[in-house]
Amino acid sequence: MTSYGANCSFSALLRVVGASNVTLQGINVTGTTGAGIGIYGSNGVIIADCVIDNHLEGVIVWPASDTKSRDIALLRNRIGYTGMEGAKLWGGNRSTLVPSGFLVENNRFHHFGLWTYTYQPGVSAGGVGTVIRKNEFSMAYHAAILYSGNDHVIELNDIHHVTSIA
């Protein structure tokens, strides 16, 4: 059995740890004080057509130095009513510019950052090579998308009622 160290103790209702080629489709993940879905050290994970509501954070691709997640896709999900971020994806290698292969496409992010009003976006991307495309972001206090790193593609997103939730 592979040990993922102390960083693998994150709180998530559904955890995908050390897996390859997993698809979670059409499920309802609702209500926890941690993340709805946490992914750690996994490759080829697709989360599609799911409802992920009422969590501290919606989806986390855990940033770990000893094991990397690659090729993660969030497709056509509804992620909302989060205390902090809707989705946090950090991956790739900034030193060598090897991309993460993360894709966030055709999702609806709404009512995020409800407990912490700033720096809790619908999507937070870090590292290299995340694509954030054709998503809808609404009903938040601060920012729809925050990112750091290199070679991200952010295009064709619909952002409304962000910074004006009242």
N, C-alpha and C. Protein backbone atom coordinates (compact mmCIF):
# COMPACT_ATOMS: atom_id res chain seq x y z
N MET A 1 0.84 -1.19 0.00
CA MET A 1 0.00 0.00 0.00
C MET A 1 0.88 1.24 0.00
N THR A 2 0.55 2.18 -0.84
CA THR A 2 1.31 3.41 -0.95
C THR A 2 0.94 4.36 0.18
N SER A 3 1.93 4.97 0.77
CA SER A 3 1.68 5.97 1.80
C SER A 3 1.69 7.35 1.15
N TYR A 4 0.67 8.13 1.43
CA TYR A 4 0.59 9.47 0.86
C TYR A 4 0.95 10.54 1.87
N GLY A 5 1.43 10.15 3.02
CA GLY A 5 1.94 11.11 3.98
C GLY A 5 0.86 11.90 4.69
N ALA A 6 1.31 12.83 5.50
CA ALA A 6 0.40 13.62 6.32
C ALA A 6 -0.52 14.49 5.49
N ASN A 7 -0.09 14.91 4.29
CA ASN A 7 -0.92 15.78 3.46
C ASN A 7 -2.18 15.10 2.95
N CYS A 8 -2.24 13.78 3.03
CA CYS A 8 -3.41 13.07 2.52
C CYS A 8 -4.55 13.05 3.52
N SER A 9 -4.39 13.67 4.64
CA SER A 9 -5.43 13.63 5.67
C SER A 9 -6.46 14.75 5.48
N PHE A 10 -6.56 15.31 4.28
CA PHE A 10 -7.53 16.37 4.05
C PHE A 10 -8.95 15.84 4.23
N SER A 11 -9.84 16.73 4.57
CA SER A 11 -11.23 16.36 4.82
C SER A 11 -12.04 16.52 3.55
N ALA A 12 -12.61 15.41 3.08
CA ALA A 12 -13.48 15.44 1.90
C ALA A 12 -14.52 14.35 2.04
N LEU A 13 -15.73 14.65 1.61
CA LEU A 13 -16.80 13.66 1.66
C LEU A 13 -16.48 12.48 0.75
N LEU A 14 -15.95 12.77 -0.42
CA LEU A 14 -15.54 11.72 -1.36
C LEU A 14 -14.08 11.95 -1.71
N ARG A 15 -13.23 10.96 -1.48
CA ARG A 15 -11.79 11.10 -1.74
C ARG A 15 -11.35 10.12 -2.82
N VAL A 16 -10.58 10.63 -3.77
CA VAL A 16 -9.97 9.80 -4.81
C VAL A 16 -8.47 9.89 -4.56
N VAL A 17 -7.87 8.79 -4.10
CA VAL A 17 -6.48 8.80 -3.67
C VAL A 17 -5.70 7.73 -4.43
N GLY A 18 -4.66 8.14 -5.15
CA GLY A 18 -3.78 7.21 -5.83
C GLY A 18 -4.47 6.37 -6.90
N ALA A 19 -5.47 6.94 -7.57
CA ALA A 19 -6.25 6.19 -8.56
C ALA A 19 -5.90 6.65 -9.97
N SER A 20 -6.25 5.79 -10.93
CA SER A 20 -6.07 6.13 -12.34
C SER A 20 -7.33 5.79 -13.11
N ASN A 21 -7.67 6.65 -14.06
CA ASN A 21 -8.78 6.41 -14.99
C ASN A 21 -10.09 6.12 -14.26
N VAL A 22 -10.53 7.09 -13.46
CA VAL A 22 -11.77 6.99 -12.70
C VAL A 22 -12.73 8.05 -13.22
N THR A 23 -14.00 7.67 -13.40
CA THR A 23 -15.03 8.62 -13.79
C THR A 23 -16.12 8.62 -12.72
N LEU A 24 -16.42 9.81 -12.20
CA LEU A 24 -17.55 10.01 -11.29
C LEU A 24 -18.58 10.79 -12.08
N GLN A 25 -19.72 10.18 -12.35
CA GLN A 25 -20.70 10.83 -13.22
C GLN A 25 -22.10 10.74 -12.63
N GLY A 26 -22.79 11.89 -12.67
CA GLY A 26 -24.20 11.96 -12.31
C GLY A 26 -24.49 11.71 -10.84
N ILE A 27 -23.56 12.04 -9.95
CA ILE A 27 -23.82 11.85 -8.53
C ILE A 27 -24.06 13.19 -7.85
N ASN A 28 -24.72 13.14 -6.71
CA ASN A 28 -25.00 14.31 -5.90
C ASN A 28 -24.14 14.22 -4.65
N VAL A 29 -23.22 15.15 -4.48
CA VAL A 29 -22.32 15.17 -3.33
C VAL A 29 -22.68 16.42 -2.53
N THR A 30 -23.37 16.23 -1.42
CA THR A 30 -23.94 17.37 -0.71
C THR A 30 -23.66 17.33 0.78
N GLY A 31 -23.20 18.46 1.30
CA GLY A 31 -23.20 18.75 2.72
C GLY A 31 -22.10 18.15 3.57
N THR A 32 -20.99 18.87 3.72
CA THR A 32 -19.95 18.51 4.67
C THR A 32 -19.19 19.77 5.07
N THR A 33 -18.46 19.67 6.17
CA THR A 33 -17.67 20.82 6.61
C THR A 33 -16.29 20.85 5.97
N GLY A 34 -15.97 19.86 5.14
CA GLY A 34 -14.73 19.85 4.38
C GLY A 34 -15.03 20.05 2.91
N ALA A 35 -14.22 19.43 2.07
CA ALA A 35 -14.43 19.49 0.63
C ALA A 35 -15.48 18.47 0.22
N GLY A 36 -16.15 18.75 -0.88
CA GLY A 36 -17.08 17.77 -1.42
C GLY A 36 -16.33 16.59 -2.02
N ILE A 37 -15.39 16.89 -2.93
CA ILE A 37 -14.57 15.87 -3.56
C ILE A 37 -13.11 16.29 -3.46
N GLY A 38 -12.26 15.40 -2.99
CA GLY A 38 -10.82 15.64 -2.91
C GLY A 38 -10.08 14.62 -3.75
N ILE A 39 -9.13 15.09 -4.54
CA ILE A 39 -8.35 14.22 -5.41
C ILE A 39 -6.88 14.39 -5.05
N TYR A 40 -6.20 13.27 -4.82
CA TYR A 40 -4.81 13.32 -4.37
C TYR A 40 -4.01 12.25 -5.10
N GLY A 41 -2.95 12.63 -5.77
CA GLY A 41 -2.05 11.68 -6.40
C GLY A 41 -2.72 10.78 -7.41
N SER A 42 -3.67 11.32 -8.17
CA SER A 42 -4.45 10.51 -9.11
C SER A 42 -4.32 11.06 -10.52
N ASN A 43 -4.56 10.19 -11.50
CA ASN A 43 -4.44 10.57 -12.90
C ASN A 43 -5.66 10.10 -13.68
N GLY A 44 -6.07 10.92 -14.65
CA GLY A 44 -7.17 10.52 -15.51
C GLY A 44 -8.51 10.46 -14.80
N VAL A 45 -8.77 11.40 -13.90
CA VAL A 45 -10.04 11.44 -13.16
C VAL A 45 -10.98 12.42 -13.85
N ILE A 46 -12.20 11.97 -14.12
CA ILE A 46 -13.24 12.80 -14.72
C ILE A 46 -14.39 12.91 -13.74
N ILE A 47 -14.79 14.14 -13.44
CA ILE A 47 -15.99 14.39 -12.63
C ILE A 47 -16.96 15.10 -13.55
N ALA A 48 -18.08 14.43 -13.87
CA ALA A 48 -18.99 14.95 -14.89
C ALA A 48 -20.43 14.85 -14.44
N ASP A 49 -21.21 15.89 -14.78
CA ASP A 49 -22.66 15.91 -14.56
C ASP A 49 -23.04 15.69 -13.10
N CYS A 50 -22.26 16.21 -12.19
CA CYS A 50 -22.52 16.05 -10.76
C CYS A 50 -23.04 17.35 -10.14
N VAL A 51 -23.70 17.23 -9.01
CA VAL A 51 -24.10 18.37 -8.19
C VAL A 51 -23.24 18.31 -6.94
N ILE A 52 -22.47 19.37 -6.71
CA ILE A 52 -21.56 19.43 -5.56
C ILE A 52 -21.91 20.70 -4.80
N ASP A 53 -22.71 20.56 -3.75
CA ASP A 53 -23.27 21.70 -3.02
C ASP A 53 -23.04 21.60 -1.52
N ASN A 54 -23.00 22.77 -0.89
CA ASN A 54 -23.00 22.89 0.57
C ASN A 54 -21.78 22.25 1.22
N HIS A 55 -20.60 22.75 0.86
CA HIS A 55 -19.34 22.28 1.43
C HIS A 55 -18.48 23.49 1.77
N LEU A 56 -17.42 23.24 2.54
CA LEU A 56 -16.43 24.30 2.75
C LEU A 56 -15.78 24.65 1.41
N GLU A 57 -15.35 23.62 0.66
CA GLU A 57 -14.82 23.78 -0.69
C GLU A 57 -15.44 22.70 -1.57
N GLY A 58 -15.69 23.01 -2.83
CA GLY A 58 -16.35 22.06 -3.72
C GLY A 58 -15.46 20.90 -4.12
N VAL A 59 -14.45 21.18 -4.94
CA VAL A 59 -13.52 20.15 -5.43
C VAL A 59 -12.10 20.65 -5.19
N ILE A 60 -11.26 19.78 -4.64
CA ILE A 60 -9.85 20.11 -4.44
C ILE A 60 -9.01 19.05 -5.12
N VAL A 61 -8.11 19.48 -5.98
CA VAL A 61 -7.05 18.60 -6.46
C VAL A 61 -5.86 18.97 -5.60
N TRP A 62 -5.58 18.11 -4.64
CA TRP A 62 -4.65 18.44 -3.56
C TRP A 62 -3.25 18.69 -4.08
N PRO A 63 -2.68 19.85 -3.78
CA PRO A 63 -1.32 20.15 -4.22
C PRO A 63 -0.31 19.45 -3.31
N ALA A 64 0.38 18.47 -3.83
CA ALA A 64 1.35 17.73 -3.03
C ALA A 64 2.70 17.72 -3.74
N SER A 65 3.75 17.78 -2.99
CA SER A 65 5.08 17.79 -3.60
C SER A 65 5.58 16.38 -3.90
N ASP A 66 5.12 15.38 -3.14
CA ASP A 66 5.64 14.03 -3.32
C ASP A 66 4.86 13.22 -4.36
N THR A 67 3.66 13.62 -4.69
CA THR A 67 2.88 12.89 -5.68
C THR A 67 1.99 13.88 -6.41
N LYS A 68 1.95 13.80 -7.70
CA LYS A 68 1.23 14.78 -8.52
C LYS A 68 -0.02 14.17 -9.13
N SER A 69 -1.05 14.95 -9.20
CA SER A 69 -2.24 14.57 -9.95
C SER A 69 -2.13 15.16 -11.34
N ARG A 70 -2.59 14.42 -12.35
CA ARG A 70 -2.54 14.90 -13.73
C ARG A 70 -3.83 14.53 -14.44
N ASP A 71 -4.12 15.28 -15.48
CA ASP A 71 -5.25 14.98 -16.38
C ASP A 71 -6.57 14.80 -15.61
N ILE A 72 -6.94 15.83 -14.89
CA ILE A 72 -8.20 15.86 -14.14
C ILE A 72 -9.17 16.75 -14.91
N ALA A 73 -10.42 16.29 -15.08
CA ALA A 73 -11.43 17.07 -15.81
C ALA A 73 -12.68 17.26 -14.96
N LEU A 74 -13.15 18.50 -14.89
CA LEU A 74 -14.46 18.82 -14.30
C LEU A 74 -15.35 19.25 -15.46
N LEU A 75 -16.39 18.47 -15.75
CA LEU A 75 -17.22 18.71 -16.93
C LEU A 75 -18.70 18.76 -16.57
N ARG A 76 -19.37 19.85 -16.89
CA ARG A 76 -20.82 19.97 -16.78
C ARG A 76 -21.36 19.76 -15.36
N ASN A 77 -20.62 20.18 -14.36
CA ASN A 77 -21.06 20.04 -12.97
C ASN A 77 -21.72 21.32 -12.50
N ARG A 78 -22.49 21.22 -11.44
CA ARG A 78 -23.01 22.39 -10.74
C ARG A 78 -22.37 22.40 -9.36
N ILE A 79 -21.59 23.43 -9.10
CA ILE A 79 -20.85 23.53 -7.84
C ILE A 79 -21.25 24.84 -7.17
N GLY A 80 -21.84 24.74 -5.98
CA GLY A 80 -22.32 25.95 -5.34
C GLY A 80 -22.46 25.86 -3.84
N TYR A 81 -22.79 27.00 -3.26
CA TYR A 81 -22.99 27.15 -1.83
C TYR A 81 -21.77 26.67 -1.05
N THR A 82 -20.59 27.14 -1.47
CA THR A 82 -19.36 26.78 -0.77
C THR A 82 -18.92 27.92 0.12
N GLY A 83 -18.38 27.56 1.27
CA GLY A 83 -17.87 28.57 2.19
C GLY A 83 -16.63 29.24 1.64
N MET A 84 -15.85 28.48 0.88
CA MET A 84 -14.62 29.02 0.29
C MET A 84 -14.66 28.80 -1.23
N GLU A 85 -13.65 28.18 -1.80
CA GLU A 85 -13.55 28.04 -3.25
C GLU A 85 -14.51 27.00 -3.82
N GLY A 86 -14.88 27.20 -5.06
CA GLY A 86 -15.67 26.19 -5.75
C GLY A 86 -14.79 25.03 -6.17
N ALA A 87 -13.65 25.32 -6.80
CA ALA A 87 -12.70 24.28 -7.21
C ALA A 87 -11.29 24.84 -7.10
N LYS A 88 -10.40 24.02 -6.57
CA LYS A 88 -8.99 24.40 -6.44
C LYS A 88 -8.17 23.32 -7.14
N LEU A 89 -7.46 23.72 -8.19
CA LEU A 89 -6.66 22.77 -8.97
C LEU A 89 -5.24 23.32 -9.09
N TRP A 90 -4.29 22.64 -8.51
CA TRP A 90 -2.90 23.05 -8.58
C TRP A 90 -2.10 21.86 -9.08
N GLY A 91 -1.38 22.04 -10.18
CA GLY A 91 -0.60 20.94 -10.71
C GLY A 91 0.33 21.38 -11.82
N GLY A 92 1.02 20.41 -12.39
CA GLY A 92 2.04 20.70 -13.39
C GLY A 92 3.34 21.04 -12.70
N ASN A 93 4.34 21.32 -13.48
CA ASN A 93 5.65 21.63 -12.93
C ASN A 93 6.10 22.99 -13.46
N ARG A 94 6.20 23.96 -12.57
CA ARG A 94 6.55 25.32 -12.98
C ARG A 94 8.01 25.44 -13.41
N SER A 95 8.87 24.59 -12.89
CA SER A 95 10.29 24.66 -13.27
C SER A 95 10.52 24.17 -14.69
N THR A 96 9.84 23.09 -15.07
CA THR A 96 10.05 22.50 -16.40
C THR A 96 8.92 22.82 -17.37
N LEU A 97 7.86 23.49 -16.88
CA LEU A 97 6.67 23.84 -17.65
C LEU A 97 5.93 22.61 -18.20
N VAL A 98 5.99 21.51 -17.48
CA VAL A 98 5.19 20.34 -17.82
C VAL A 98 3.76 20.62 -17.38
N PRO A 99 2.78 20.57 -18.30
CA PRO A 99 1.40 20.94 -17.95
C PRO A 99 0.70 19.90 -17.09
N SER A 100 -0.28 20.38 -16.35
CA SER A 100 -1.08 19.51 -15.47
C SER A 100 -2.11 18.69 -16.26
N GLY A 101 -2.57 19.24 -17.37
CA GLY A 101 -3.64 18.57 -18.11
C GLY A 101 -5.00 18.73 -17.46
N PHE A 102 -5.18 19.74 -16.60
CA PHE A 102 -6.46 19.97 -15.93
C PHE A 102 -7.41 20.70 -16.87
N LEU A 103 -8.67 20.29 -16.88
CA LEU A 103 -9.70 20.91 -17.71
C LEU A 103 -10.93 21.18 -16.87
N VAL A 104 -11.39 22.42 -16.88
CA VAL A 104 -12.62 22.83 -16.19
C VAL A 104 -13.51 23.43 -17.27
N GLU A 105 -14.57 22.70 -17.67
CA GLU A 105 -15.34 23.12 -18.83
C GLU A 105 -16.83 22.85 -18.64
N ASN A 106 -17.63 23.85 -19.04
CA ASN A 106 -19.10 23.77 -19.04
C ASN A 106 -19.70 23.50 -17.67
N ASN A 107 -19.10 24.08 -16.63
CA ASN A 107 -19.62 23.96 -15.27
C ASN A 107 -20.38 25.22 -14.88
N ARG A 108 -21.20 25.11 -13.86
CA ARG A 108 -21.86 26.28 -13.29
C ARG A 108 -21.39 26.42 -11.84
N PHE A 109 -20.66 27.51 -11.57
CA PHE A 109 -20.19 27.82 -10.22
C PHE A 109 -21.04 28.96 -9.69
N HIS A 110 -21.67 28.77 -8.54
CA HIS A 110 -22.53 29.82 -7.99
C HIS A 110 -22.46 29.82 -6.47
N HIS A 111 -22.70 30.96 -5.88
CA HIS A 111 -22.70 31.12 -4.43
C HIS A 111 -21.46 30.50 -3.80
N PHE A 112 -20.29 30.99 -4.19
CA PHE A 112 -19.03 30.52 -3.60
C PHE A 112 -18.42 31.65 -2.78
N GLY A 113 -17.52 31.31 -1.87
CA GLY A 113 -16.92 32.31 -0.99
C GLY A 113 -17.91 32.88 0.00
N LEU A 114 -18.83 32.06 0.50
CA LEU A 114 -19.87 32.56 1.39
C LEU A 114 -19.41 32.76 2.83
N TRP A 115 -18.34 32.10 3.24
CA TRP A 115 -17.83 32.25 4.61
C TRP A 115 -16.65 33.20 4.67
N THR A 116 -15.82 33.15 3.66
CA THR A 116 -14.66 34.03 3.56
C THR A 116 -14.85 34.83 2.28
N TYR A 117 -15.00 36.14 2.40
CA TYR A 117 -15.48 36.94 1.28
C TYR A 117 -14.45 37.30 0.23
N THR A 118 -13.17 37.19 0.52
CA THR A 118 -12.16 37.55 -0.48
C THR A 118 -11.21 36.39 -0.74
N TYR A 119 -10.68 36.37 -1.96
CA TYR A 119 -9.71 35.37 -2.40
C TYR A 119 -10.25 33.94 -2.28
N GLN A 120 -11.52 33.76 -2.52
CA GLN A 120 -12.16 32.45 -2.56
C GLN A 120 -12.98 32.37 -3.84
N PRO A 121 -12.33 32.13 -4.97
CA PRO A 121 -12.99 32.20 -6.28
C PRO A 121 -13.80 30.95 -6.61
N GLY A 122 -14.50 31.02 -7.71
CA GLY A 122 -15.15 29.83 -8.23
C GLY A 122 -14.12 28.80 -8.62
N VAL A 123 -13.05 29.23 -9.30
CA VAL A 123 -11.93 28.34 -9.65
C VAL A 123 -10.62 29.02 -9.29
N SER A 124 -9.78 28.29 -8.59
CA SER A 124 -8.41 28.70 -8.29
C SER A 124 -7.48 27.74 -9.01
N ALA A 125 -6.64 28.27 -9.89
CA ALA A 125 -5.73 27.43 -10.66
C ALA A 125 -4.30 27.86 -10.39
N GLY A 126 -3.44 26.89 -10.14
CA GLY A 126 -2.04 27.18 -9.92
C GLY A 126 -1.18 26.14 -10.60
N GLY A 127 0.04 26.53 -10.88
CA GLY A 127 0.95 25.61 -11.55
C GLY A 127 1.02 25.90 -13.03
N VAL A 128 0.82 24.85 -13.85
CA VAL A 128 1.00 24.99 -15.30
C VAL A 128 -0.12 24.25 -16.04
N GLY A 129 -0.68 24.91 -17.04
CA GLY A 129 -1.49 24.23 -18.03
C GLY A 129 -2.90 23.84 -17.64
N THR A 130 -3.62 24.69 -16.92
CA THR A 130 -5.03 24.44 -16.64
C THR A 130 -5.87 25.18 -17.68
N VAL A 131 -6.89 24.52 -18.21
CA VAL A 131 -7.83 25.14 -19.15
C VAL A 131 -9.14 25.37 -18.42
N ILE A 132 -9.60 26.63 -18.40
CA ILE A 132 -10.87 27.01 -17.77
C ILE A 132 -11.71 27.62 -18.87
N ARG A 133 -12.72 26.88 -19.34
CA ARG A 133 -13.42 27.27 -20.56
C ARG A 133 -14.93 27.02 -20.44
N LYS A 134 -15.71 27.98 -20.95
CA LYS A 134 -17.16 27.86 -21.10
C LYS A 134 -17.90 27.56 -19.80
N ASN A 135 -17.46 28.17 -18.71
CA ASN A 135 -18.12 28.01 -17.42
C ASN A 135 -18.97 29.24 -17.12
N GLU A 136 -19.93 29.07 -16.23
CA GLU A 136 -20.71 30.20 -15.74
C GLU A 136 -20.35 30.42 -14.27
N PHE A 137 -20.06 31.67 -13.93
CA PHE A 137 -19.73 32.06 -12.56
C PHE A 137 -20.72 33.13 -12.12
N SER A 138 -21.36 32.92 -10.95
CA SER A 138 -22.32 33.93 -10.49
C SER A 138 -22.45 33.90 -8.97
N MET A 139 -22.96 35.00 -8.45
CA MET A 139 -23.34 35.16 -7.05
C MET A 139 -22.16 34.95 -6.09
N ALA A 140 -21.19 35.85 -6.16
CA ALA A 140 -20.04 35.77 -5.26
C ALA A 140 -19.58 37.16 -4.87
N TYR A 141 -18.85 37.25 -3.77
CA TYR A 141 -18.42 38.53 -3.24
C TYR A 141 -17.16 39.08 -3.89
N HIS A 142 -16.28 38.21 -4.40
CA HIS A 142 -14.97 38.73 -4.80
C HIS A 142 -14.60 38.41 -6.24
N ALA A 143 -14.08 37.22 -6.52
CA ALA A 143 -13.52 36.93 -7.84
C ALA A 143 -14.05 35.61 -8.39
N ALA A 144 -14.25 35.56 -9.69
CA ALA A 144 -14.69 34.32 -10.34
C ALA A 144 -13.53 33.35 -10.50
N ILE A 145 -12.37 33.85 -10.95
CA ILE A 145 -11.21 33.01 -11.24
C ILE A 145 -9.97 33.70 -10.70
N LEU A 146 -9.16 32.96 -9.98
CA LEU A 146 -7.83 33.42 -9.57
C LEU A 146 -6.82 32.38 -10.04
N TYR A 147 -5.66 32.84 -10.49
CA TYR A 147 -4.67 31.88 -10.99
C TYR A 147 -3.26 32.40 -10.74
N SER A 148 -2.33 31.45 -10.74
CA SER A 148 -0.90 31.78 -10.72
C SER A 148 -0.20 30.69 -11.52
N GLY A 149 0.96 31.01 -12.03
CA GLY A 149 1.71 30.02 -12.79
C GLY A 149 1.79 30.38 -14.26
N ASN A 150 1.90 29.34 -15.09
CA ASN A 150 2.17 29.55 -16.51
C ASN A 150 1.22 28.75 -17.39
N ASP A 151 1.06 29.23 -18.61
CA ASP A 151 0.42 28.50 -19.70
C ASP A 151 -1.01 28.04 -19.40
N HIS A 152 -1.75 28.83 -18.66
CA HIS A 152 -3.18 28.54 -18.45
C HIS A 152 -3.97 29.12 -19.63
N VAL A 153 -5.09 28.50 -19.93
CA VAL A 153 -6.01 29.03 -20.94
C VAL A 153 -7.33 29.31 -20.23
N ILE A 154 -7.76 30.57 -20.27
CA ILE A 154 -9.02 30.99 -19.66
C ILE A 154 -9.81 31.68 -20.75
N GLU A 155 -10.93 31.04 -21.19
CA GLU A 155 -11.65 31.61 -22.33
C GLU A 155 -13.13 31.26 -22.29
N LEU A 156 -13.92 32.16 -22.87
CA LEU A 156 -15.34 31.95 -23.13
C LEU A 156 -16.17 31.65 -21.89
N ASN A 157 -15.79 32.23 -20.76
CA ASN A 157 -16.54 32.06 -19.52
C ASN A 157 -17.57 33.18 -19.37
N ASP A 158 -18.69 32.87 -18.75
CA ASP A 158 -19.76 33.83 -18.49
C ASP A 158 -19.68 34.18 -17.01
N ILE A 159 -19.37 35.44 -16.72
CA ILE A 159 -19.23 35.90 -15.32
C ILE A 159 -20.24 37.00 -15.07
N HIS A 160 -21.13 36.79 -14.11
CA HIS A 160 -22.12 37.81 -13.78
C HIS A 160 -22.45 37.74 -12.29
N HIS A 161 -22.89 38.85 -11.76
CA HIS A 161 -23.22 38.99 -10.35
C HIS A 161 -22.08 38.51 -9.44
N VAL A 162 -20.87 38.88 -9.82
CA VAL A 162 -19.69 38.62 -8.99
C VAL A 162 -19.20 39.99 -8.55
N THR A 163 -18.90 40.14 -7.31
CA THR A 163 -18.59 41.36 -6.57
C THR A 163 -19.84 42.19 -6.31
N SER A 164 -21.00 41.60 -6.56
CA SER A 164 -22.23 42.33 -6.28
C SER A 164 -23.34 41.36 -5.86
N ILE A 165 -23.02 40.52 -4.89
CA ILE A 165 -23.96 39.47 -4.47
C ILE A 165 -25.19 40.03 -3.75
N ALA A 166 -25.03 41.18 -3.13
CA ALA A 166 -26.14 41.72 -2.31
C ALA A 166 -27.36 42.06 -3.13
